[in-house]
Protein backbone atom coordinates (compact mmCIF):
# COMPACT_ATOMS: atom_id res chain seq x y z
CA MET A 1 135.24 123.07 61.20
CA GLN A 2 138.30 120.63 61.60
CA ARG A 3 141.17 122.25 59.71
CA LEU A 4 144.00 119.76 58.10
CA PRO A 5 146.79 118.46 60.39
CA THR A 6 150.27 120.07 59.37
CA TRP A 7 151.52 116.18 58.81
CA ALA A 8 149.53 115.42 55.68
CA VAL A 9 149.97 118.39 54.33
CA ALA A 10 154.00 118.22 54.87
CA GLY A 11 154.25 114.43 54.46
CA GLY A 12 151.61 114.46 50.85
CA SER A 13 153.26 117.50 49.06
CA LEU A 14 156.62 115.33 49.21
CA LEU A 15 154.80 112.52 47.08
CA ILE A 16 152.14 115.05 44.99
CA GLY A 17 155.75 117.44 44.60
CA PHE A 18 157.66 114.35 43.19
CA GLY A 19 154.79 112.92 41.06
CA VAL A 20 154.19 116.07 39.66
CA ALA A 21 157.68 116.70 38.08
CA ASP A 22 157.48 112.95 37.58
CA LEU A 23 154.26 112.78 35.86
CA THR A 24 155.46 116.32 33.55
CA GLY A 25 158.51 116.43 33.12
CA VAL A 26 159.34 120.10 34.85
CA ARG A 27 160.58 119.54 37.94
CA ALA A 28 160.15 123.01 38.64
CA LEU A 29 156.46 122.68 38.96
CA GLY A 30 157.59 120.09 41.60
CA GLY A 31 159.30 122.64 43.49
CA ILE A 32 156.33 124.46 43.39
CA VAL A 33 154.43 122.14 45.24
CA LEU A 34 157.11 121.35 47.76
CA PHE A 35 157.61 125.65 48.29
CA LEU A 36 154.28 126.14 48.34
CA ALA A 37 153.71 123.13 50.94
CA ALA A 38 157.15 124.23 53.30
CA LEU A 39 155.17 127.89 53.12
CA TRP A 40 151.75 126.52 54.04
CA CYS A 41 153.57 125.04 56.81
CA GLY A 42 155.71 126.68 57.91
CA LEU A 43 153.51 129.81 58.53
CA ARG A 44 151.21 127.72 60.10
CA TRP A 45 154.42 125.69 62.94
CA ARG A 46 155.64 129.29 63.45
CA ARG A 47 151.38 130.84 63.72
CA GLU A 48 150.89 127.73 66.43
CA GLN A 49 154.51 126.41 68.25
CA GLY A 50 156.65 129.52 67.60
CA LEU A 51 159.86 130.46 65.45
CA ALA A 52 162.21 128.41 66.50
CA VAL A 53 160.23 125.16 65.80
CA ALA A 54 159.10 126.52 62.60
CA ILE A 55 162.29 126.80 61.47
CA ALA A 56 163.23 123.39 62.24
CA LEU A 57 160.57 121.79 61.31
CA VAL A 58 161.03 123.43 57.42
CA ALA A 59 164.72 122.34 58.55
CA VAL A 60 163.48 118.26 58.88
CA TYR A 61 161.34 119.28 55.42
CA LEU A 62 164.22 120.32 53.25
CA ALA A 63 166.92 117.66 54.57
CA ALA A 64 163.48 114.42 53.76
CA PHE A 65 163.88 116.26 50.01
CA VAL A 66 167.61 116.22 49.76
CA LEU A 67 167.96 113.15 51.20
CA SER A 68 165.28 111.59 48.67
CA HIS A 69 168.18 111.92 46.13
CA PRO A 70 170.69 109.78 47.36
CA LEU A 71 168.68 107.37 48.46
CA GLY A 72 166.67 107.28 45.27
CA LYS A 73 169.89 105.97 43.93
CA ALA A 74 170.14 103.00 46.50
CA ILE A 75 166.57 101.82 46.13
CA GLY A 76 164.88 103.86 43.31
CA SER A 77 162.89 107.00 43.33
CA TRP A 78 159.25 106.45 44.26
CA PRO A 79 160.33 104.21 47.71
CA ALA A 80 162.84 107.40 48.14
CA VAL A 81 160.39 109.62 48.43
CA PHE A 82 157.63 107.47 50.39
CA VAL A 83 159.97 106.32 53.23
CA VAL A 84 161.25 110.45 53.76
CA SER A 85 157.66 111.17 53.67
CA ALA A 86 156.92 109.11 55.90
CA PHE A 87 159.71 110.01 58.29
CA VAL A 88 158.81 113.79 57.43
CA ALA A 89 154.75 113.25 58.32
CA ALA A 90 155.95 110.67 61.56
CA ILE A 91 157.92 113.78 62.56
CA VAL A 92 155.41 116.61 62.57
CA TRP A 93 152.55 114.57 64.25
CA ALA A 94 155.12 113.59 66.72
CA ARG A 95 156.15 117.47 67.45
CA VAL A 96 152.77 119.36 66.42
CA ASP A 97 150.10 117.47 65.58
CA ARG A 98 149.21 114.86 67.83
CA PHE A 99 148.58 117.25 71.20
CA ALA A 100 145.98 118.71 69.19
CA ALA A 101 142.62 118.78 71.02
CA PRO A 102 140.62 116.69 69.29
CA GLY A 103 137.88 117.81 66.14
CA THR A 104 140.28 121.22 66.40
CA GLY A 105 143.00 120.52 64.41
CA VAL A 106 144.20 123.50 66.86
CA SER A 107 147.76 122.38 67.49
CA ALA A 108 148.84 122.63 71.53
CA PRO A 109 150.26 126.41 72.25
CA ALA A 110 153.94 126.70 71.87
CA ALA A 111 156.13 125.85 74.56
CA ARG A 112 157.95 129.42 76.17
C-alpha cells in the first residue's frame, strides 16, 4: 500500500487549516489542523530522515505560516496561503519525497 507523501500533507494542511479557520471563524480550529499536520509530518520525517531534517522542515512549515500573514496583507489572504503552501510542498518534495521508491511511499534513508 502506498503511503501518503509528506509534501501533500505539509502543503495541503496549510490550505485546509486556513480554510477551516476562514469558514468557521474559529482560528483555533485551523490551528489544530496545522498542529496535527506538523506533528504527523515531523514524526515521519524524524523516523525516515533523522532529527535534524525533521526540525528543519518543521521550521520551514512554521516560518511559512508566519510569513503568510504579512504576505496576506500585500496580496490577499488566500493568494498568500496558496503561495506559502506551494513553497512548503516544493521544499518537502525536494528534500524528502522525491527520493521515495516508486509505489512505496517510503523516503530515502537519512543521511548520517
